[in-house]
N, C-alpha and C. Protein backbone atom coordinates (compact mmCIF):
# COMPACT_ATOMS: atom_id res chain seq x y z
N MET A 1 66.85 -97.83 49.37
CA MET A 1 65.50 -97.84 48.85
C MET A 1 65.47 -97.02 47.58
N GLY A 2 65.36 -97.69 46.53
CA GLY A 2 65.31 -96.98 45.27
C GLY A 2 63.89 -96.99 44.73
N ASP A 3 63.74 -96.34 43.63
CA ASP A 3 62.44 -96.29 42.98
C ASP A 3 62.32 -97.53 42.12
N ASP A 4 61.50 -98.46 42.56
CA ASP A 4 61.40 -99.71 41.81
C ASP A 4 60.22 -99.70 40.84
N GLY A 5 59.69 -98.54 40.58
CA GLY A 5 58.63 -98.41 39.60
C GLY A 5 57.26 -98.75 40.16
N ASP A 6 57.20 -99.07 41.45
CA ASP A 6 55.93 -99.38 42.08
C ASP A 6 55.22 -98.07 42.43
N ASP A 7 54.22 -97.71 41.67
CA ASP A 7 53.53 -96.43 41.89
C ASP A 7 52.37 -96.65 42.86
N THR A 8 52.53 -96.18 44.08
CA THR A 8 51.49 -96.34 45.09
C THR A 8 50.75 -95.04 45.35
N SER A 9 50.88 -94.10 44.42
CA SER A 9 50.16 -92.84 44.63
C SER A 9 48.66 -93.08 44.46
N VAL A 10 47.89 -92.36 45.24
CA VAL A 10 46.44 -92.52 45.22
C VAL A 10 45.83 -91.39 44.40
N VAL A 11 44.97 -91.76 43.50
CA VAL A 11 44.27 -90.75 42.72
C VAL A 11 43.02 -90.38 43.50
N VAL A 12 42.92 -89.13 43.86
CA VAL A 12 41.76 -88.67 44.62
C VAL A 12 40.80 -88.01 43.65
N ASP A 13 39.60 -88.53 43.64
CA ASP A 13 38.58 -87.98 42.75
C ASP A 13 38.03 -86.71 43.39
N THR A 14 38.43 -85.59 42.83
CA THR A 14 37.95 -84.33 43.40
C THR A 14 36.77 -83.84 42.59
N ARG A 15 35.63 -83.80 43.25
CA ARG A 15 34.43 -83.27 42.61
C ARG A 15 34.17 -81.90 43.19
N THR A 16 34.01 -80.95 42.33
CA THR A 16 33.71 -79.62 42.85
C THR A 16 32.25 -79.61 43.28
N LYS A 17 32.05 -79.26 44.52
CA LYS A 17 30.69 -79.20 45.04
C LYS A 17 30.07 -77.89 44.60
N THR A 18 29.01 -77.99 43.87
CA THR A 18 28.32 -76.76 43.47
C THR A 18 27.41 -76.36 44.61
N LYS A 19 27.61 -75.14 45.07
CA LYS A 19 26.80 -74.64 46.17
C LYS A 19 25.40 -74.36 45.67
N ARG A 20 24.43 -74.75 46.45
CA ARG A 20 23.06 -74.43 46.09
C ARG A 20 22.87 -72.92 46.21
N PRO A 21 22.11 -72.35 45.28
CA PRO A 21 21.88 -70.91 45.39
C PRO A 21 21.07 -70.62 46.65
N PRO A 22 21.31 -69.47 47.25
CA PRO A 22 20.56 -69.15 48.48
C PRO A 22 19.07 -69.04 48.19
N LEU A 23 18.28 -69.40 49.15
CA LEU A 23 16.83 -69.29 49.00
C LEU A 23 16.32 -68.07 49.75
N TYR A 24 15.19 -67.58 49.31
CA TYR A 24 14.61 -66.36 49.89
C TYR A 24 13.18 -66.62 50.33
N LYS A 25 12.89 -66.15 51.54
CA LYS A 25 11.52 -66.25 52.06
C LYS A 25 10.74 -65.05 51.54
N VAL A 26 9.53 -65.31 51.07
CA VAL A 26 8.63 -64.23 50.67
C VAL A 26 7.67 -64.04 51.84
N LEU A 27 7.59 -62.80 52.31
CA LEU A 27 6.79 -62.47 53.50
C LEU A 27 5.64 -61.55 53.15
N LEU A 28 4.52 -61.80 53.75
CA LEU A 28 3.37 -60.92 53.62
C LEU A 28 3.21 -60.21 54.96
N LEU A 29 3.03 -58.90 54.91
CA LEU A 29 2.94 -58.10 56.13
C LEU A 29 1.50 -57.61 56.36
N ASN A 30 1.11 -57.58 57.60
CA ASN A 30 -0.23 -57.14 57.96
C ASN A 30 -0.36 -55.62 57.88
N ASP A 31 -1.54 -55.18 57.54
CA ASP A 31 -1.87 -53.75 57.64
C ASP A 31 -3.33 -53.67 58.08
N ASP A 32 -3.78 -52.49 58.41
CA ASP A 32 -5.14 -52.33 58.94
C ASP A 32 -6.18 -52.04 57.86
N TYR A 33 -5.79 -52.10 56.59
CA TYR A 33 -6.70 -51.66 55.54
C TYR A 33 -7.02 -52.72 54.49
N THR A 34 -6.07 -53.59 54.18
CA THR A 34 -6.31 -54.59 53.14
C THR A 34 -7.31 -55.63 53.64
N PRO A 35 -8.39 -55.83 52.89
CA PRO A 35 -9.40 -56.82 53.32
C PRO A 35 -8.82 -58.24 53.36
N MET A 36 -9.27 -58.99 54.33
CA MET A 36 -8.80 -60.37 54.48
C MET A 36 -9.06 -61.20 53.22
N GLU A 37 -10.21 -60.97 52.58
CA GLU A 37 -10.56 -61.72 51.37
C GLU A 37 -9.56 -61.44 50.26
N PHE A 38 -9.06 -60.22 50.20
CA PHE A 38 -8.08 -59.87 49.18
C PHE A 38 -6.77 -60.63 49.42
N VAL A 39 -6.36 -60.72 50.67
CA VAL A 39 -5.14 -61.45 51.02
C VAL A 39 -5.28 -62.92 50.64
N VAL A 40 -6.43 -63.50 50.92
CA VAL A 40 -6.70 -64.89 50.55
C VAL A 40 -6.60 -65.04 49.02
N ALA A 41 -7.20 -64.12 48.30
CA ALA A 41 -7.16 -64.16 46.83
C ALA A 41 -5.72 -64.08 46.31
N VAL A 42 -4.90 -63.23 46.92
CA VAL A 42 -3.50 -63.09 46.53
C VAL A 42 -2.74 -64.41 46.76
N LEU A 43 -2.97 -65.02 47.90
CA LEU A 43 -2.29 -66.27 48.23
C LEU A 43 -2.69 -67.39 47.26
N GLU A 44 -3.96 -67.42 46.90
CA GLU A 44 -4.43 -68.44 45.95
C GLU A 44 -3.86 -68.18 44.56
N ARG A 45 -3.88 -66.93 44.15
CA ARG A 45 -3.48 -66.57 42.79
C ARG A 45 -1.98 -66.66 42.55
N PHE A 46 -1.18 -66.13 43.47
CA PHE A 46 0.26 -66.03 43.24
C PHE A 46 1.09 -67.11 43.91
N PHE A 47 0.50 -67.82 44.88
CA PHE A 47 1.27 -68.83 45.59
C PHE A 47 0.65 -70.22 45.48
N GLY A 48 -0.36 -70.34 44.62
CA GLY A 48 -0.96 -71.64 44.32
C GLY A 48 -1.58 -72.37 45.49
N MET A 49 -2.02 -71.62 46.48
CA MET A 49 -2.64 -72.25 47.66
C MET A 49 -4.11 -72.51 47.40
N ASN A 50 -4.62 -73.55 48.06
CA ASN A 50 -6.07 -73.74 48.01
C ASN A 50 -6.69 -72.78 49.03
N HIS A 51 -8.02 -72.72 49.04
CA HIS A 51 -8.69 -71.73 49.89
C HIS A 51 -8.37 -71.93 51.37
N ALA A 52 -8.35 -73.17 51.83
CA ALA A 52 -8.09 -73.45 53.25
C ALA A 52 -6.68 -73.03 53.66
N GLN A 53 -5.70 -73.36 52.81
CA GLN A 53 -4.30 -72.96 53.10
C GLN A 53 -4.19 -71.44 53.13
N ALA A 54 -4.76 -70.80 52.12
CA ALA A 54 -4.69 -69.34 52.02
C ALA A 54 -5.34 -68.68 53.22
N PHE A 55 -6.47 -69.23 53.67
CA PHE A 55 -7.18 -68.67 54.83
C PHE A 55 -6.32 -68.78 56.08
N GLU A 56 -5.67 -69.94 56.27
CA GLU A 56 -4.79 -70.15 57.43
C GLU A 56 -3.64 -69.13 57.44
N ILE A 57 -2.98 -68.97 56.31
CA ILE A 57 -1.85 -68.02 56.22
C ILE A 57 -2.34 -66.60 56.45
N MET A 58 -3.49 -66.26 55.88
CA MET A 58 -4.05 -64.91 56.08
C MET A 58 -4.28 -64.66 57.56
N LEU A 59 -4.80 -65.65 58.28
CA LEU A 59 -5.02 -65.49 59.72
C LEU A 59 -3.70 -65.30 60.47
N THR A 60 -2.66 -66.02 60.04
CA THR A 60 -1.34 -65.87 60.65
C THR A 60 -0.83 -64.44 60.43
N VAL A 61 -0.97 -63.95 59.21
CA VAL A 61 -0.55 -62.56 58.91
C VAL A 61 -1.34 -61.60 59.80
N HIS A 62 -2.63 -61.83 59.89
CA HIS A 62 -3.50 -60.95 60.67
C HIS A 62 -3.14 -60.95 62.16
N LYS A 63 -2.88 -62.14 62.72
CA LYS A 63 -2.61 -62.25 64.16
C LYS A 63 -1.17 -61.91 64.53
N LYS A 64 -0.21 -62.36 63.71
CA LYS A 64 1.21 -62.19 64.06
C LYS A 64 1.87 -61.01 63.36
N GLY A 65 1.20 -60.44 62.36
CA GLY A 65 1.75 -59.28 61.68
C GLY A 65 2.57 -59.62 60.45
N VAL A 66 2.97 -60.87 60.33
CA VAL A 66 3.79 -61.28 59.18
C VAL A 66 3.71 -62.80 59.05
N ALA A 67 3.85 -63.29 57.82
CA ALA A 67 3.92 -64.74 57.61
C ALA A 67 4.75 -65.03 56.37
N VAL A 68 5.46 -66.15 56.42
CA VAL A 68 6.21 -66.61 55.25
C VAL A 68 5.18 -67.30 54.34
N VAL A 69 5.13 -66.85 53.09
CA VAL A 69 4.15 -67.42 52.16
C VAL A 69 4.81 -68.33 51.12
N GLY A 70 6.14 -68.40 51.16
CA GLY A 70 6.85 -69.28 50.25
C GLY A 70 8.34 -69.06 50.34
N VAL A 71 9.10 -70.05 49.85
CA VAL A 71 10.56 -69.96 49.82
C VAL A 71 10.99 -70.30 48.40
N PHE A 72 11.75 -69.39 47.80
CA PHE A 72 12.08 -69.51 46.38
C PHE A 72 13.52 -69.08 46.11
N SER A 73 13.96 -69.33 44.88
CA SER A 73 15.24 -68.77 44.44
C SER A 73 15.08 -67.25 44.37
N HIS A 74 16.18 -66.54 44.28
CA HIS A 74 16.15 -65.07 44.30
C HIS A 74 15.23 -64.50 43.22
N GLU A 75 15.39 -65.00 41.99
CA GLU A 75 14.62 -64.45 40.86
C GLU A 75 13.13 -64.68 41.03
N ILE A 76 12.76 -65.88 41.46
CA ILE A 76 11.34 -66.19 41.62
C ILE A 76 10.76 -65.39 42.78
N ALA A 77 11.50 -65.30 43.88
CA ALA A 77 11.02 -64.51 45.04
C ALA A 77 10.80 -63.05 44.63
N GLU A 78 11.76 -62.51 43.89
CA GLU A 78 11.67 -61.12 43.43
C GLU A 78 10.42 -60.93 42.55
N THR A 79 10.18 -61.88 41.67
CA THR A 79 9.02 -61.80 40.78
C THR A 79 7.72 -61.87 41.57
N LYS A 80 7.66 -62.79 42.53
CA LYS A 80 6.44 -62.93 43.35
C LYS A 80 6.15 -61.63 44.11
N VAL A 81 7.19 -61.05 44.71
CA VAL A 81 7.02 -59.79 45.46
C VAL A 81 6.49 -58.71 44.52
N ALA A 82 7.08 -58.59 43.34
CA ALA A 82 6.65 -57.57 42.38
C ALA A 82 5.20 -57.80 41.94
N GLN A 83 4.84 -59.05 41.68
CA GLN A 83 3.47 -59.38 41.25
C GLN A 83 2.47 -59.01 42.33
N VAL A 84 2.76 -59.37 43.58
CA VAL A 84 1.85 -59.08 44.68
C VAL A 84 1.71 -57.57 44.88
N MET A 85 2.85 -56.88 44.86
CA MET A 85 2.82 -55.42 45.07
C MET A 85 2.05 -54.72 43.95
N ASP A 86 2.27 -55.13 42.72
CA ASP A 86 1.55 -54.53 41.58
C ASP A 86 0.05 -54.80 41.68
N PHE A 87 -0.30 -56.04 42.00
CA PHE A 87 -1.70 -56.42 42.11
C PHE A 87 -2.39 -55.63 43.22
N ALA A 88 -1.72 -55.50 44.37
CA ALA A 88 -2.28 -54.73 45.49
C ALA A 88 -2.46 -53.27 45.10
N ARG A 89 -1.46 -52.71 44.42
CA ARG A 89 -1.53 -51.31 44.00
C ARG A 89 -2.68 -51.10 43.03
N GLN A 90 -2.83 -52.03 42.07
CA GLN A 90 -3.92 -51.93 41.08
C GLN A 90 -5.28 -51.92 41.77
N HIS A 91 -5.38 -52.63 42.87
CA HIS A 91 -6.65 -52.70 43.60
C HIS A 91 -6.70 -51.72 44.77
N GLN A 92 -5.73 -50.82 44.80
CA GLN A 92 -5.65 -49.75 45.79
C GLN A 92 -5.64 -50.25 47.24
N HIS A 93 -4.82 -51.29 47.45
CA HIS A 93 -4.62 -51.81 48.80
C HIS A 93 -3.16 -51.60 49.19
N PRO A 94 -2.90 -51.29 50.45
CA PRO A 94 -1.52 -51.04 50.90
C PRO A 94 -0.76 -52.31 51.29
N LEU A 95 -1.23 -53.47 50.86
CA LEU A 95 -0.60 -54.73 51.21
C LEU A 95 0.90 -54.70 50.87
N GLN A 96 1.72 -55.13 51.81
CA GLN A 96 3.17 -55.15 51.63
C GLN A 96 3.67 -56.59 51.54
N CYS A 97 4.57 -56.81 50.60
CA CYS A 97 5.18 -58.11 50.42
C CYS A 97 6.67 -57.88 50.28
N THR A 98 7.47 -58.62 51.03
CA THR A 98 8.91 -58.45 50.99
C THR A 98 9.59 -59.82 50.89
N MET A 99 10.90 -59.78 50.75
CA MET A 99 11.65 -61.03 50.73
C MET A 99 12.91 -60.87 51.56
N GLU A 100 13.38 -61.97 52.14
CA GLU A 100 14.63 -61.94 52.88
C GLU A 100 15.32 -63.28 52.72
N LYS A 101 16.65 -63.22 52.79
CA LYS A 101 17.45 -64.43 52.63
C LYS A 101 17.14 -65.41 53.76
N GLU A 102 17.02 -66.66 53.39
CA GLU A 102 16.69 -67.68 54.40
C GLU A 102 17.87 -67.95 55.30
């Protein structure tokens, strides 16, 4: 069996799979001092929710102590957390907003 020039090698198309960047959940935490209306306003302003959606999430935060208010890339999640915390501080509310990897 010699090499008769018949090339039967298979070309495998290797595509590098780009991994999706990890996503981060933005969480709003309940406290006993921040008014419910303020939480609704925050959800409408920073998370683009309508009043009904914001009210539902606010009730979840109130009853369960925490709620996911959005899932974003790291940079956007970080920005949202900072915006909410700054806004709460400016209005002298202890509202806490955090993020965690999904």
